[in-house]
PDB file of all heavy atoms in Angstrom:
ATOM      1  N   GLY A   1      12.281 152.952 142.337  1.00  0.00           N
ATOM      2  CA  GLY A   1      13.499 153.649 141.946  1.00  0.00           C
ATOM      3  C   GLY A   1      14.768 152.830 142.006  1.00  0.00           C
ATOM      4  O   GLY A   1      15.869 153.370 141.814  1.00  0.00           O
ATOM      5  N   ALA A   2      14.652 151.519 142.237  1.00  0.00           N
ATOM      6  CA  ALA A   2      15.848 150.681 142.326  1.00  0.00           C
ATOM      7  C   ALA A   2      16.436 150.375 140.960  1.00  0.00           C
ATOM      8  O   ALA A   2      17.631 150.113 140.833  1.00  0.00           O
ATOM      9  CB  ALA A   2      15.519 149.377 143.049  1.00  0.00           C
ATOM     10  N   LEU A   3      15.610 150.389 139.923  1.00  0.00           N
ATOM     11  CA  LEU A   3      16.067 150.133 138.559  1.00  0.00           C
ATOM     12  C   LEU A   3      15.486 151.192 137.635  1.00  0.00           C
ATOM     13  O   LEU A   3      14.487 151.852 137.959  1.00  0.00           O
ATOM     14  CB  LEU A   3      15.623 148.740 138.084  1.00  0.00           C
ATOM     15  CG  LEU A   3      16.292 147.520 138.739  1.00  0.00           C
ATOM     16  CD1 LEU A   3      15.651 146.243 138.233  1.00  0.00           C
ATOM     17  CD2 LEU A   3      17.786 147.517 138.469  1.00  0.00           C
ATOM     18  N   GLY A   4      16.103 151.341 136.446  1.00  0.00           N
ATOM     19  CA  GLY A   4      15.613 152.288 135.457  1.00  0.00           C
ATOM     20  C   GLY A   4      14.853 151.580 134.357  1.00  0.00           C
ATOM     21  O   GLY A   4      15.033 150.375 134.124  1.00  0.00           O
ATOM     22  N   VAL A   5      14.012 152.325 133.670  1.00  0.00           N
ATOM     23  CA  VAL A   5      13.233 151.744 132.576  1.00  0.00           C
ATOM     24  C   VAL A   5      14.140 151.254 131.462  1.00  0.00           C
ATOM     25  O   VAL A   5      13.825 150.300 130.754  1.00  0.00           O
ATOM     26  CB  VAL A   5      12.226 152.789 132.030  1.00  0.00           C
ATOM     27  CG1 VAL A   5      11.484 152.253 130.815  1.00  0.00           C
ATOM     28  CG2 VAL A   5      11.240 153.184 133.115  1.00  0.00           C
ATOM     29  N   ASP A   6      15.303 151.912 131.303  1.00  0.00           N
ATOM     30  CA  ASP A   6      16.220 151.565 130.218  1.00  0.00           C
ATOM     31  C   ASP A   6      17.352 150.650 130.687  1.00  0.00           C
ATOM     32  O   ASP A   6      18.444 150.671 130.137  1.00  0.00           O
ATOM     33  CB  ASP A   6      16.805 152.831 129.595  1.00  0.00           C
ATOM     34  CG  ASP A   6      17.530 153.696 130.622  1.00  0.00           C
ATOM     35  OD1 ASP A   6      17.417 153.393 131.831  1.00  0.00           O
ATOM     36  OD2 ASP A   6      18.182 154.668 130.212  1.00  0.00           O
ATOM     37  N   THR A   7      17.065 149.815 131.683  1.00  0.00           N
ATOM     38  CA  THR A   7      18.105 148.955 132.258  1.00  0.00           C
ATOM     39  C   THR A   7      18.775 148.075 131.213  1.00  0.00           C
ATOM     40  O   THR A   7      19.992 147.863 131.242  1.00  0.00           O
ATOM     41  CB  THR A   7      17.505 148.060 133.359  1.00  0.00           C
ATOM     42  OG1 THR A   7      16.980 148.894 134.398  1.00  0.00           O
ATOM     43  CG2 THR A   7      18.556 147.127 133.936  1.00  0.00           C
ATOM     44  N   LEU A   8      18.010 147.530 130.280  1.00  0.00           N
ATOM     45  CA  LEU A   8      18.554 146.604 129.277  1.00  0.00           C
ATOM     46  C   LEU A   8      19.022 147.302 128.010  1.00  0.00           C
ATOM     47  O   LEU A   8      19.525 146.642 127.098  1.00  0.00           O
ATOM     48  CB  LEU A   8      17.507 145.543 128.909  1.00  0.00           C
ATOM     49  CG  LEU A   8      17.067 144.611 130.042  1.00  0.00           C
ATOM     50  CD1 LEU A   8      16.041 143.603 129.534  1.00  0.00           C
ATOM     51  CD2 LEU A   8      18.257 143.909 130.666  1.00  0.00           C
ATOM     52  N   ASP A   9      18.850 148.606 127.932  1.00  0.00           N
ATOM     53  CA  ASP A   9      19.306 149.334 126.759  1.00  0.00           C
ATOM     54  C   ASP A   9      20.800 149.602 126.867  1.00  0.00           C
ATOM     55  O   ASP A   9      21.334 149.734 127.969  1.00  0.00           O
ATOM     56  CB  ASP A   9      18.539 150.655 126.618  1.00  0.00           C
ATOM     57  CG  ASP A   9      17.080 150.419 126.267  1.00  0.00           C
ATOM     58  OD1 ASP A   9      16.796 150.147 125.091  1.00  0.00           O
ATOM     59  OD2 ASP A   9      16.235 150.475 127.179  1.00  0.00           O
ATOM     60  N   PRO A  10      21.493 149.724 125.701  1.00  0.00           N
ATOM     61  CA  PRO A  10      22.940 149.951 125.747  1.00  0.00           C
ATOM     62  C   PRO A  10      23.286 151.324 126.269  1.00  0.00           C
ATOM     63  O   PRO A  10      22.520 152.269 126.110  1.00  0.00           O
ATOM     64  CB  PRO A  10      23.371 149.802 124.282  1.00  0.00           C
ATOM     65  CG  PRO A  10      22.145 150.174 123.508  1.00  0.00           C
ATOM     66  CD  PRO A  10      20.988 149.653 124.336  1.00  0.00           C
ATOM     67  N   ASP A  11      24.452 151.445 126.920  1.00  0.00           N
ATOM     68  CA  ASP A  11      24.920 152.755 127.364  1.00  0.00           C
ATOM     69  C   ASP A  11      25.241 153.612 126.164  1.00  0.00           C
ATOM     70  O   ASP A  11      25.734 153.134 125.150  1.00  0.00           O
ATOM     71  CB  ASP A  11      26.188 152.629 128.221  1.00  0.00           C
ATOM     72  CG  ASP A  11      25.883 151.950 129.555  1.00  0.00           C
ATOM     73  OD1 ASP A  11      24.730 152.052 129.995  1.00  0.00           O
ATOM     74  OD2 ASP A  11      26.798 151.321 130.113  1.00  0.00           O
ATOM     75  N   VAL A  12      24.966 154.906 126.284  1.00  0.00           N
ATOM     76  CA  VAL A  12      25.266 155.823 125.197  1.00  0.00           C
ATOM     77  C   VAL A  12      26.755 156.102 125.181  1.00  0.00           C
ATOM     78  O   VAL A  12      27.312 156.592 126.149  1.00  0.00           O
ATOM     79  CB  VAL A  12      24.485 157.139 125.375  1.00  0.00           C
ATOM     80  CG1 VAL A  12      24.860 158.130 124.287  1.00  0.00           C
ATOM     81  CG2 VAL A  12      22.989 156.872 125.348  1.00  0.00           C
ATOM     82  N   ASP A  13      27.416 155.786 124.099  1.00  0.00           N
ATOM     83  CA  ASP A  13      28.855 156.025 124.022  1.00  0.00           C
ATOM     84  C   ASP A  13      29.270 156.734 122.757  1.00  0.00           C
ATOM     85  O   ASP A  13      30.435 156.761 122.387  1.00  0.00           O
ATOM     86  CB  ASP A  13      29.626 154.701 124.131  1.00  0.00           C
ATOM     87  CG  ASP A  13      29.254 153.727 123.014  1.00  0.00           C
ATOM     88  OD1 ASP A  13      28.405 154.104 122.164  1.00  0.00           O
ATOM     89  OD2 ASP A  13      29.812 152.622 122.976  1.00  0.00           O
ATOM     90  N   GLY A  14      28.249 157.293 122.063  1.00  0.00           N
ATOM     91  CA  GLY A  14      28.555 158.039 120.858  1.00  0.00           C
ATOM     92  C   GLY A  14      28.630 157.187 119.609  1.00  0.00           C
ATOM     93  O   GLY A  14      28.865 157.682 118.524  1.00  0.00           O
ATOM     94  N   THR A  15      28.399 155.884 119.731  1.00  0.00           N
ATOM     95  CA  THR A  15      28.413 155.019 118.565  1.00  0.00           C
ATOM     96  C   THR A  15      26.999 154.615 118.232  1.00  0.00           C
ATOM     97  O   THR A  15      26.085 154.715 119.040  1.00  0.00           O
ATOM     98  CB  THR A  15      29.255 153.761 118.820  1.00  0.00           C
ATOM     99  OG1 THR A  15      28.601 152.985 119.840  1.00  0.00           O
ATOM    100  CG2 THR A  15      30.647 154.137 119.292  1.00  0.00           C
ATOM    101  N   THR A  16      26.796 154.108 117.019  1.00  0.00           N
ATOM    102  CA  THR A  16      25.476 153.679 116.584  1.00  0.00           C
ATOM    103  C   THR A  16      25.373 152.172 116.532  1.00  0.00           C
ATOM    104  O   THR A  16      24.351 151.633 116.140  1.00  0.00           O
ATOM    105  CB  THR A  16      25.168 154.246 115.180  1.00  0.00           C
ATOM    106  OG1 THR A  16      26.187 153.796 114.272  1.00  0.00           O
ATOM    107  CG2 THR A  16      25.126 155.752 115.200  1.00  0.00           C
ATOM    108  N   GLU A  17      26.411 151.458 116.952  1.00  0.00           N
ATOM    109  CA  GLU A  17      26.407 150.009 116.904  1.00  0.00           C
ATOM    110  C   GLU A  17      25.595 149.446 118.057  1.00  0.00           C
ATOM    111  O   GLU A  17      25.778 149.804 119.208  1.00  0.00           O
ATOM    112  CB  GLU A  17      27.844 149.482 116.977  1.00  0.00           C
ATOM    113  CG  GLU A  17      27.906 147.967 116.869  1.00  0.00           C
ATOM    114  CD  GLU A  17      29.327 147.463 116.934  1.00  0.00           C
ATOM    115  OE1 GLU A  17      30.248 148.300 116.991  1.00  0.00           O
ATOM    116  OE2 GLU A  17      29.516 146.241 116.926  1.00  0.00           O
ATOM    117  N   LEU A  18      24.658 148.533 117.739  1.00  0.00           N
ATOM    118  CA  LEU A  18      23.831 147.914 118.751  1.00  0.00           C
ATOM    119  C   LEU A  18      24.203 146.449 118.862  1.00  0.00           C
ATOM    120  O   LEU A  18      24.669 145.837 117.908  1.00  0.00           O
ATOM    121  CB  LEU A  18      22.344 148.046 118.383  1.00  0.00           C
ATOM    122  CG  LEU A  18      21.814 149.471 118.230  1.00  0.00           C
ATOM    123  CD1 LEU A  18      20.348 149.428 117.828  1.00  0.00           C
ATOM    124  CD2 LEU A  18      21.977 150.261 119.517  1.00  0.00           C
ATOM    125  N   GLY A  19      23.986 145.881 120.001  1.00  0.00           N
ATOM    126  CA  GLY A  19      24.318 144.484 120.163  1.00  0.00           C
ATOM    127  C   GLY A  19      23.351 143.795 121.083  1.00  0.00           C
ATOM    128  O   GLY A  19      22.527 144.409 121.757  1.00  0.00           O
ATOM    129  N   GLY A  20      23.432 142.462 121.140  1.00  0.00           N
ATOM    130  CA  GLY A  20      22.639 141.683 122.048  1.00  0.00           C
ATOM    131  C   GLY A  20      21.149 141.838 121.856  1.00  0.00           C
ATOM    132  O   GLY A  20      20.616 141.804 120.750  1.00  0.00           O
ATOM    133  N   LEU A  21      20.452 142.020 122.991  1.00  0.00           N
ATOM    134  CA  LEU A  21      18.998 142.077 122.999  1.00  0.00           C
ATOM    135  C   LEU A  21      18.462 143.257 122.208  1.00  0.00           C
ATOM    136  O   LEU A  21      17.433 143.162 121.539  1.00  0.00           O
ATOM    137  CB  LEU A  21      18.521 142.143 124.447  1.00  0.00           C
ATOM    138  CG  LEU A  21      17.064 141.796 124.727  1.00  0.00           C
ATOM    139  CD1 LEU A  21      16.698 140.444 124.137  1.00  0.00           C
ATOM    140  CD2 LEU A  21      16.818 141.834 126.215  1.00  0.00           C
ATOM    141  N   THR A  22      19.143 144.396 122.277  1.00  0.00           N
ATOM    142  CA  THR A  22      18.691 145.579 121.549  1.00  0.00           C
ATOM    143  C   THR A  22      18.709 145.338 120.053  1.00  0.00           C
ATOM    144  O   THR A  22      17.778 145.723 119.329  1.00  0.00           O
ATOM    145  CB  THR A  22      19.583 146.787 121.891  1.00  0.00           C
ATOM    146  OG1 THR A  22      19.561 147.012 123.294  1.00  0.00           O
ATOM    147  CG2 THR A  22      19.091 148.031 121.172  1.00  0.00           C
ATOM    148  N   ALA A  23      19.766 144.688 119.558  1.00  0.00           N
ATOM    149  CA  ALA A  23      19.853 144.386 118.137  1.00  0.00           C
ATOM    150  C   ALA A  23      18.757 143.414 117.717  1.00  0.00           C
ATOM    151  O   ALA A  23      18.164 143.547 116.639  1.00  0.00           O
ATOM    152  CB  ALA A  23      21.231 143.800 117.807  1.00  0.00           C
ATOM    153  N   ALA A  24      18.476 142.430 118.577  1.00  0.00           N
ATOM    154  CA  ALA A  24      17.424 141.458 118.270  1.00  0.00           C
ATOM    155  C   ALA A  24      16.063 142.137 118.182  1.00  0.00           C
ATOM    156  O   ALA A  24      15.268 141.858 117.275  1.00  0.00           O
ATOM    157  CB  ALA A  24      17.410 140.358 119.327  1.00  0.00           C
ATOM    158  N   MET A  25      15.796 143.036 119.121  1.00  0.00           N
ATOM    159  CA  MET A  25      14.521 143.757 119.104  1.00  0.00           C
ATOM    160  C   MET A  25      14.397 144.635 117.865  1.00  0.00           C
ATOM    161  O   MET A  25      13.333 144.735 117.251  1.00  0.00           O
ATOM    162  CB  MET A  25      14.385 144.603 120.373  1.00  0.00           C
ATOM    163  CG  MET A  25      14.114 143.788 121.622  1.00  0.00           C
ATOM    164  SD  MET A  25      12.545 142.904 121.514  1.00  0.00           S
ATOM    165  CE  MET A  25      12.483 142.166 123.140  1.00  0.00           C
ATOM    166  N   SER A  26      15.488 145.287 117.498  1.00  0.00           N
ATOM    167  CA  SER A  26      15.471 146.129 116.302  1.00  0.00           C
ATOM    168  C   SER A  26      15.220 145.298 115.062  1.00  0.00           C
ATOM    169  O   SER A  26      14.499 145.714 114.149  1.00  0.00           O
ATOM    170  CB  SER A  26      16.801 146.889 116.184  1.00  0.00           C
ATOM    171  OG  SER A  26      16.974 147.778 117.272  1.00  0.00           O
ATOM    172  N   ALA A  27      15.815 144.104 115.015  1.00  0.00           N
ATOM    173  CA  ALA A  27      15.621 143.222 113.870  1.00  0.00           C
ATOM    174  C   ALA A  27      14.164 142.783 113.747  1.00  0.00           C
ATOM    175  O   ALA A  27      13.674 142.522 112.637  1.00  0.00           O
ATOM    176  CB  ALA A  27      16.531 142.002 113.989  1.00  0.00           C
ATOM    177  N   LEU A  28      13.458 142.720 114.869  1.00  0.00           N
ATOM    178  CA  LEU A  28      12.044 142.337 114.862  1.00  0.00           C
ATOM    179  C   LEU A  28      11.127 143.527 114.631  1.00  0.00           C
ATOM    180  O   LEU A  28       9.905 143.386 114.677  1.00  0.00           O
ATOM    181  CB  LEU A  28      11.685 141.672 116.202  1.00  0.00           C
ATOM    182  CG  LEU A  28      12.308 140.302 116.472  1.00  0.00           C
ATOM    183  CD1 LEU A  28      11.988 139.845 117.888  1.00  0.00           C
ATOM    184  CD2 LEU A  28      11.804 139.272 115.456  1.00  0.00           C
ATOM    185  N   GLY A  29      11.714 144.699 114.401  1.00  0.00           N
ATOM    186  CA  GLY A  29      10.908 145.893 114.158  1.00  0.00           C
ATOM    187  C   GLY A  29      10.380 146.519 115.426  1.00  0.00           C
ATOM    188  O   GLY A  29       9.383 147.248 115.399  1.00  0.00           O
ATOM    189  N   LEU A  30      11.025 146.249 116.565  1.00  0.00           N
ATOM    190  CA  LEU A  30      10.542 146.736 117.853  1.00  0.00           C
ATOM    191  C   LEU A  30      11.397 147.866 118.410  1.00  0.00           C
ATOM    192  O   LEU A  30      11.416 148.099 119.620  1.00  0.00           O
ATOM    193  CB  LEU A  30      10.488 145.582 118.862  1.00  0.00           C
ATOM    194  CG  LEU A  30       9.628 144.386 118.436  1.00  0.00           C
ATOM    195  CD1 LEU A  30       9.646 143.307 119.501  1.00  0.00           C
ATOM    196  CD2 LEU A  30       8.201 144.816 118.146  1.00  0.00           C
ATOM    197  N   HIS A  31      12.155 148.542 117.541  1.00  0.00           N
ATOM    198  CA  HIS A  31      12.944 149.670 118.008  1.00  0.00           C
ATOM    199  C   HIS A  31      12.041 150.880 118.209  1.00  0.00           C
ATOM    200  O   HIS A  31      10.944 150.945 117.685  1.00  0.00           O
ATOM    201  CB  HIS A  31      14.039 150.007 116.987  1.00  0.00           C
ATOM    202  CG  HIS A  31      13.521 150.330 115.626  1.00  0.00           C
ATOM    203  ND1 HIS A  31      13.073 149.362 114.746  1.00  0.00           N
ATOM    204  CD2 HIS A  31      13.342 151.513 114.981  1.00  0.00           C
ATOM    205  CE1 HIS A  31      12.664 149.938 113.621  1.00  0.00           C
ATOM    206  NE2 HIS A  31      12.817 151.248 113.749  1.00  0.00           N
ATOM    207  N   GLY A  32      12.510 151.817 118.983  1.00  0.00           N
ATOM    208  CA  GLY A  32      11.726 153.034 119.234  1.00  0.00           C
ATOM    209  C   GLY A  32      11.203 153.119 120.651  1.00  0.00           C
ATOM    210  O   GLY A  32      10.782 154.185 121.096  1.00  0.00           O
ATOM    211  N   VAL A  33      11.196 151.996 121.364  1.00  0.00           N
ATOM    212  CA  VAL A  33      10.783 151.977 122.769  1.00  0.00           C
ATOM    213  C   VAL A  33      11.840 151.218 123.557  1.00  0.00           C
ATOM    214  O   VAL A  33      12.560 150.392 122.998  1.00  0.00           O
ATOM    215  CB  VAL A  33       9.397 151.308 122.956  1.00  0.00           C
ATOM    216  CG1 VAL A  33       8.313 152.124 122.299  1.00  0.00           C
ATOM    217  CG2 VAL A  33       9.413 149.893 122.403  1.00  0.00           C
ATOM    218  N   PRO A  34      11.955 151.476 124.870  1.00  0.00           N
ATOM    219  CA  PRO A  34      12.947 150.745 125.675  1.00  0.00           C
ATOM    220  C   PRO A  34      12.765 149.238 125.568  1.00  0.00           C
ATOM    221  O   PRO A  34      11.636 148.744 125.447  1.00  0.00           O
ATOM    222  CB  PRO A  34      12.679 151.249 127.096  1.00  0.00           C
ATOM    223  CG  PRO A  34      12.079 152.603 126.902  1.00  0.00           C
ATOM    224  CD  PRO A  34      11.242 152.496 125.661  1.00  0.00           C
ATOM    225  N   VAL A  35      13.870 148.507 125.606  1.00  0.00           N
ATOM    226  CA  VAL A  35      13.816 147.045 125.488  1.00  0.00           C
ATOM    227  C   VAL A  35      12.933 146.439 126.574  1.00  0.00           C
ATOM    228  O   VAL A  35      12.168 145.498 126.324  1.00  0.00           O
ATOM    229  CB  VAL A  35      15.238 146.459 125.571  1.00  0.00           C
ATOM    230  CG1 VAL A  35      15.188 144.942 125.654  1.00  0.00           C
ATOM    231  CG2 VAL A  35      16.053 146.878 124.361  1.00  0.00           C
ATOM    232  N   THR A  36      13.022 146.978 127.782  1.00  0.00           N
ATOM    233  CA  THR A  36      12.224 146.429 128.874  1.00  0.00           C
ATOM    234  C   THR A  36      10.725 146.582 128.619  1.00  0.00           C
ATOM    235  O   THR A  36       9.936 145.705 128.981  1.00  0.00           O
ATOM    236  CB  THR A  36      12.585 147.123 130.199  1.00  0.00           C
ATOM    237  OG1 THR A  36      12.543 148.548 130.012  1.00  0.00           O
ATOM    238  CG2 THR A  36      13.969 146.718 130.655  1.00  0.00           C
ATOM    239  N   VAL A  37      10.329 147.679 127.989  1.00  0.00           N
ATOM    240  CA  VAL A  37       8.913 147.881 127.670  1.00  0.00           C
ATOM    241  C   VAL A  37       8.471 146.884 126.609  1.00  0.00           C
ATOM    242  O   VAL A  37       7.392 146.281 126.712  1.00  0.00           O
ATOM    243  CB  VAL A  37       8.669 149.327 127.199  1.00  0.00           C
ATOM    244  CG1 VAL A  37       7.224 149.494 126.733  1.00  0.00           C
ATOM    245  CG2 VAL A  37       8.985 150.313 128.301  1.00  0.00           C
ATOM    246  N   SER A  38       9.285 146.689 125.580  1.00  0.00           N
ATOM    247  CA  SER A  38       8.957 145.732 124.524  1.00  0.00           C
ATOM    248  C   SER A  38       8.833 144.319 125.077  1.00  0.00           C
ATOM    249  O   SER A  38       7.867 143.603 124.788  1.00  0.00           O
ATOM    250  CB  SER A  38      10.025 145.768 123.426  1.00  0.00           C
ATOM    251  OG  SER A  38      10.076 147.024 122.799  1.00  0.00           O
ATOM    252  N   LEU A  39       9.814 143.911 125.882  1.00  0.00           N
ATOM    253  CA  LEU A  39       9.785 142.563 126.457  1.00  0.00           C
ATOM    254  C   LEU A  39       8.581 142.371 127.377  1.00  0.00           C
ATOM    255  O   LEU A  39       7.910 141.329 127.332  1.00  0.00           O
ATOM    256  CB  LEU A  39      11.075 142.309 127.236  1.00  0.00           C
ATOM    257  CG  LEU A  39      12.292 141.853 126.436  1.00  0.00           C
ATOM    258  CD1 LEU A  39      13.487 141.700 127.362  1.00  0.00           C
ATOM    259  CD2 LEU A  39      12.013 140.544 125.715  1.00  0.00           C
ATOM    260  N   SER A  40       8.311 143.375 128.197  1.00  0.00           N
ATOM    261  CA  SER A  40       7.188 143.273 129.124  1.00  0.00           C
ATOM    262  C   SER A  40       5.870 143.142 128.375  1.00  0.00           C
ATOM    263  O   SER A  40       5.004 142.333 128.748  1.00  0.00           O
ATOM    264  CB  SER A  40       7.155 144.499 130.042  1.00  0.00           C
ATOM    265  OG  SER A  40       8.332 144.594 130.808  1.00  0.00           O
ATOM    266  N   THR A  41       5.722 143.923 127.321  1.00  0.00           N
ATOM    267  CA  THR A  41       4.492 143.859 126.533  1.00  0.00           C
ATOM    268  C   THR A  41       4.347 142.507 125.851  1.00  0.00           C
ATOM    269  O   THR A  41       3.261 141.898 125.862  1.00  0.00           O
ATOM    270  CB  THR A  41       4.480 144.976 125.474  1.00  0.00           C
ATOM    271  OG1 THR A  41       4.615 146.243 126.113  1.00  0.00           O
ATOM    272  CG2 THR A  41       3.179 144.954 124.681  1.00  0.00           C
ATOM    273  N   MET A  42       5.433 142.022 125.262  1.00  0.00           N
ATOM    274  CA  MET A  42       5.389 140.725 124.585  1.00  0.00           C
ATOM    275  C   MET A  42       5.032 139.604 125.555  1.00  0.00           C
ATOM    276  O   MET A  42       4.203 138.738 125.249  1.00  0.00           O
ATOM    277  CB  MET A  42       6.734 140.431 123.917  1.00  0.00           C
ATOM    278  CG  MET A  42       7.039 141.287 122.713  1.00  0.00           C
ATOM    279  SD  MET A  42       8.535 140.757 121.842  1.00  0.00           S
ATOM    280  CE  MET A  42       7.993 139.175 121.177  1.00  0.00           C
ATOM    281  N   ILE A  43       5.646 139.612 126.734  1.00  0.00           N
ATOM    282  CA  ILE A  43       5.372 138.561 127.715  1.00  0.00           C
ATOM    283  C   ILE A  43       3.934 138.622 128.204  1.00  0.00           C
ATOM    284  O   ILE A  43       3.248 137.590 128.323  1.00  0.00           O
ATOM    285  CB  ILE A  43       6.355 138.680 128.896  1.00  0.00           C
ATOM    286  CG1 ILE A  43       7.769 138.325 128.437  1.00  0.00           C
ATOM    287  CG2 ILE A  43       5.925 137.781 130.058  1.00  0.00           C
ATOM    288  CD1 ILE A  43       8.836 138.606 129.469  1.00  0.00           C
ATOM    289  N   ALA A  44       3.438 139.837 128.472  1.00  0.00           N
ATOM    290  CA  ALA A  44       2.065 139.984 128.956  1.00  0.00           C
ATOM    291  C   ALA A  44       1.052 139.525 127.913  1.00  0.00           C
ATOM    292  O   ALA A  44       0.094 138.800 128.233  1.00  0.00           O
ATOM    293  CB  ALA A  44       1.808 141.441 129.345  1.00  0.00           C
ATOM    294  N   VAL A  45       1.245 139.912 126.668  1.00  0.00           N
ATOM    295  CA  VAL A  45       0.322 139.523 125.601  1.00  0.00           C
ATOM    296  C   VAL A  45       0.388 138.016 125.361  1.00  0.00           C
ATOM    297  O   VAL A  45      -0.648 137.348 125.209  1.00  0.00           O
ATOM    298  CB  VAL A  45       0.632 140.293 124.302  1.00  0.00           C
ATOM    299  CG1 VAL A  45      -0.206 139.765 123.139  1.00  0.00           C
ATOM    300  CG2 VAL A  45       0.378 141.778 124.501  1.00  0.00           C
TER     301      VAL A  45
END
């Protein structure tokens, strides 16, 4: 419980603009799951 699954995801502020790691993941077609889950899966595989 020290960290959340969505630690690397952007804070919700009512905008649709994404940046940084989230934008990179979306560009790779990896949107739809938390960034930490995508990164963890990629590293493990």
